[in-house]
């Protein structure tokens, strides 16, 4: 019996958690324009729901503007409606060829709400990390019943604990960086 496959599985789950958290934090708007704010906005493209970046080009010409250029001009009202329905807090305006989204400055109250949202995402990530550790510990206990030496199982559990401490520290660093970004005026 080897401890490495169990630890590798736990490490993979923890890495996936960090990647997911990174993606979620990127979707939280911090007062500057980003194409990520349109992730999850779906457009009815001739009867098929499609991501907005598949029916138009999305760019950020400056820090306060997101510019959409639909490939089919007939889609402009459909895209505007999809943005309004998505309730991302932005009002689209168009000039017949492009759709502009102006990013308003964040109020102090909105910044605090965003920080709460960041902390919630961080807590969810930590729960996921603890679940990965718990799965590894249970696997070691099961392996011990199936013949793995007790000291080997205990070493594996200690390694899983060290791993979660390392990944929890990374989560804390990501949260601190995002919080700083949000609170910077």
Protein backbone atom coordinates (compact mmCIF):
# COMPACT_ATOMS: atom_id res chain seq x y z
CA UNK A 1 0.00 0.00 0.00
CA UNK A 2 1.23 3.45 -0.95
CA UNK A 3 0.30 6.82 0.54
CA UNK A 4 1.18 8.80 -2.59
CA UNK A 5 -1.96 8.05 -4.69
CA UNK A 6 -4.21 9.21 -1.82
CA UNK A 7 -2.16 12.40 -1.34
CA UNK A 8 -2.10 13.04 -5.10
CA UNK A 9 -5.91 12.80 -5.26
CA UNK A 10 -6.23 15.26 -2.35
CA UNK A 11 -3.71 17.62 -3.97
CA UNK A 12 -5.69 17.58 -7.25
CA UNK A 13 -8.93 18.44 -5.42
CA UNK A 14 -7.17 21.29 -3.61
CA UNK A 15 -5.67 22.65 -6.85
CA UNK A 16 -9.11 22.51 -8.49
CA UNK A 17 -10.51 24.46 -5.53
CA UNK A 18 -7.89 27.19 -6.01
CA UNK A 19 -8.62 27.40 -9.75
CA UNK A 20 -12.35 27.66 -9.08
CA UNK A 21 -11.79 30.37 -6.46
CA UNK A 22 -9.56 32.30 -8.86
CA UNK A 23 -12.32 32.17 -11.50
CA UNK A 24 -14.99 33.28 -9.01
CA UNK A 25 -12.86 36.17 -7.76
CA UNK A 26 -12.23 37.30 -11.34
CA UNK A 27 -15.99 37.58 -11.83
CA UNK A 28 -16.34 39.96 -8.88
CA UNK A 29 -16.20 43.45 -10.31
CA UNK A 30 -13.76 45.73 -8.52
CA UNK A 31 -14.60 49.06 -10.16
CA UNK A 32 -12.55 48.62 -13.30
CA UNK A 33 -13.64 47.23 -16.63
CA UNK A 34 -13.02 43.56 -17.37
CA UNK A 35 -14.41 41.15 -19.93
CA UNK A 36 -15.03 38.72 -17.04
CA UNK A 37 -18.08 40.67 -15.88
CA UNK A 38 -19.94 39.29 -18.91
CA UNK A 39 -19.14 35.66 -18.06
CA UNK A 40 -22.43 33.90 -17.58
CA UNK A 41 -24.44 36.34 -19.74
CA UNK A 42 -26.26 34.23 -22.32
CA UNK A 43 -27.76 35.59 -25.56
CA UNK A 44 -30.64 34.05 -27.48
CA UNK A 45 -28.87 33.52 -30.80
CA UNK A 46 -31.52 32.29 -33.26
CA UNK A 47 -33.14 30.03 -30.67
CA UNK A 48 -29.91 28.84 -29.02
CA UNK A 49 -28.55 30.30 -25.79
CA UNK A 50 -24.94 31.27 -26.45
CA UNK A 51 -22.30 33.00 -24.29
CA UNK A 52 -22.01 36.68 -25.18
CA UNK A 53 -18.40 36.28 -26.32
CA UNK A 54 -19.53 33.83 -29.03
CA UNK A 55 -21.86 36.32 -30.72
CA UNK A 56 -19.72 39.45 -30.45
CA UNK A 57 -16.21 40.62 -29.84
CA UNK A 58 -15.70 41.89 -26.30
CA UNK A 59 -12.93 44.39 -25.53
CA UNK A 60 -11.88 46.85 -22.86
CA UNK A 61 -10.80 50.12 -24.55
CA UNK A 62 -10.21 51.89 -21.22
CA UNK A 63 -10.46 51.26 -17.47
CA UNK A 64 -14.13 52.27 -17.24
CA UNK A 65 -15.62 50.84 -20.47
CA UNK A 66 -16.42 47.44 -21.95
CA UNK A 67 -17.11 47.51 -25.70
CA UNK A 68 -19.11 44.83 -27.51
CA UNK A 69 -19.14 44.59 -31.28
CA UNK A 70 -21.79 42.06 -32.39
CA UNK A 71 -20.98 40.06 -35.49
CA UNK A 72 -24.60 40.42 -36.60
CA UNK A 73 -26.04 43.95 -36.18
CA UNK A 74 -29.54 42.47 -35.72
CA UNK A 75 -28.34 41.06 -32.39
CA UNK A 76 -27.78 44.48 -30.76
CA UNK A 77 -31.23 44.65 -29.09
CA UNK A 78 -31.02 40.96 -28.11
CA UNK A 79 -27.61 41.46 -26.48
CA UNK A 80 -28.81 44.59 -24.67
CA UNK A 81 -31.80 42.68 -23.30
CA UNK A 82 -29.57 39.78 -22.19
CA UNK A 83 -27.28 42.18 -20.30
CA UNK A 84 -30.24 43.82 -18.56
CA UNK A 85 -31.79 40.44 -17.68
CA UNK A 86 -28.45 39.16 -16.32
CA UNK A 87 -28.68 41.89 -13.65
CA UNK A 88 -24.95 42.62 -13.53
CA UNK A 89 -25.58 46.22 -12.56
CA UNK A 90 -24.71 47.77 -15.92
CA UNK A 91 -26.89 49.57 -18.45
CA UNK A 92 -25.91 49.07 -22.09
CA UNK A 93 -25.95 51.89 -24.62
CA UNK A 94 -25.52 51.43 -28.37
CA UNK A 95 -24.71 53.57 -31.38
CA UNK A 96 -26.03 51.13 -33.99
CA UNK A 97 -22.73 49.28 -34.33
CA UNK A 98 -21.32 48.86 -30.84
CA UNK A 99 -22.69 48.34 -27.35
CA UNK A 100 -20.92 50.27 -24.61
CA UNK A 101 -21.02 49.34 -20.93
CA UNK A 102 -19.77 52.11 -18.66
CA UNK A 103 -18.47 50.90 -15.33
CA UNK A 104 -19.62 53.24 -12.55
CA UNK A 105 -17.35 54.11 -9.66
CA UNK A 106 -17.98 51.91 -6.64
CA UNK A 107 -19.58 53.44 -3.54
CA UNK A 108 -18.22 52.64 -0.09
CA UNK A 109 -21.30 50.55 0.64
CA UNK A 110 -20.93 48.56 -2.59
CA UNK A 111 -17.24 47.94 -1.82
CA UNK A 112 -18.20 46.46 1.56
CA UNK A 113 -20.80 44.21 -0.12
CA UNK A 114 -18.17 43.01 -2.59
CA UNK A 115 -15.72 42.28 0.25
CA UNK A 116 -18.43 40.21 1.97
CA UNK A 117 -18.96 38.32 -1.30
CA UNK A 118 -15.20 37.69 -1.56
CA UNK A 119 -15.09 36.38 2.02
CA UNK A 120 -18.04 34.07 1.30
CA UNK A 121 -16.24 32.65 -1.75
CA UNK A 122 -13.11 32.21 0.38
CA UNK A 123 -15.04 30.36 3.07
CA UNK A 124 -16.55 28.06 0.45
CA UNK A 125 -13.04 27.34 -0.85
CA UNK A 126 -11.80 26.52 2.66
CA UNK A 127 -14.73 24.14 3.16
CA UNK A 128 -13.81 22.42 -0.09
CA UNK A 129 -10.19 22.12 1.07
CA UNK A 130 -11.29 20.59 4.38
CA UNK A 131 -13.49 18.12 2.49
CA UNK A 132 -10.50 17.05 0.39
CA UNK A 133 -8.45 16.54 3.57
CA UNK A 134 -11.29 14.57 5.19
CA UNK A 135 -11.53 12.32 2.12
CA UNK A 136 -7.77 11.67 2.30
CA UNK A 137 -7.90 10.89 6.05
CA UNK A 138 -10.82 8.49 5.51
CA UNK A 139 -8.89 6.81 2.69
CA UNK A 140 -5.88 6.35 5.00
CA UNK A 141 -8.08 4.84 7.73
CA UNK A 142 -9.65 2.47 5.21
CA UNK A 143 -6.21 1.53 3.86
CA UNK A 144 -5.01 0.90 7.41
CA UNK A 145 -7.88 -1.58 7.92
CA UNK A 146 -6.85 -3.26 4.67
CA UNK A 147 -3.28 -3.77 5.82
CA UNK A 148 -1.39 -0.47 5.60
CA UNK A 149 0.98 -0.07 8.58
CA UNK A 150 -0.39 2.34 11.22
CA UNK A 151 2.68 4.61 11.16
CA UNK A 152 2.42 4.92 7.37
CA UNK A 153 -1.27 5.89 7.64
CA UNK A 154 -0.48 8.47 10.37
CA UNK A 155 2.32 9.94 8.21
CA UNK A 156 -0.15 10.22 5.34
CA UNK A 157 -2.67 12.01 7.55
CA UNK A 158 0.05 14.44 8.70
CA UNK A 159 1.01 15.09 5.06
CA UNK A 160 -2.65 15.80 4.23
CA UNK A 161 -2.76 18.26 7.16
CA UNK A 162 0.41 20.05 5.95
CA UNK A 163 -1.07 20.18 2.46
CA UNK A 164 -4.31 21.82 3.63
CA UNK A 165 -2.32 24.38 5.64
CA UNK A 166 -0.34 25.29 2.50
CA UNK A 167 -3.46 25.62 0.33
CA UNK A 168 -5.38 27.53 3.02
CA UNK A 169 -2.51 30.04 3.12
CA UNK A 170 -2.81 30.46 -0.67
CA UNK A 171 -6.57 31.05 -0.33
CA UNK A 172 -5.91 33.70 2.34
CA UNK A 173 -3.38 35.43 0.05
CA UNK A 174 -5.86 35.45 -2.86
CA UNK A 175 -8.60 36.88 -0.64
CA UNK A 176 -6.32 39.58 0.77
CA UNK A 177 -5.24 40.63 -2.74
CA UNK A 178 -8.85 40.81 -3.99
CA UNK A 179 -9.98 42.70 -0.90
CA UNK A 180 -7.16 45.22 -1.39
CA UNK A 181 -8.14 45.60 -5.06
CA UNK A 182 -11.77 46.27 -4.13
CA UNK A 183 -11.02 48.73 -1.34
CA UNK A 184 -8.49 50.73 -3.42
CA UNK A 185 -10.25 53.87 -4.58
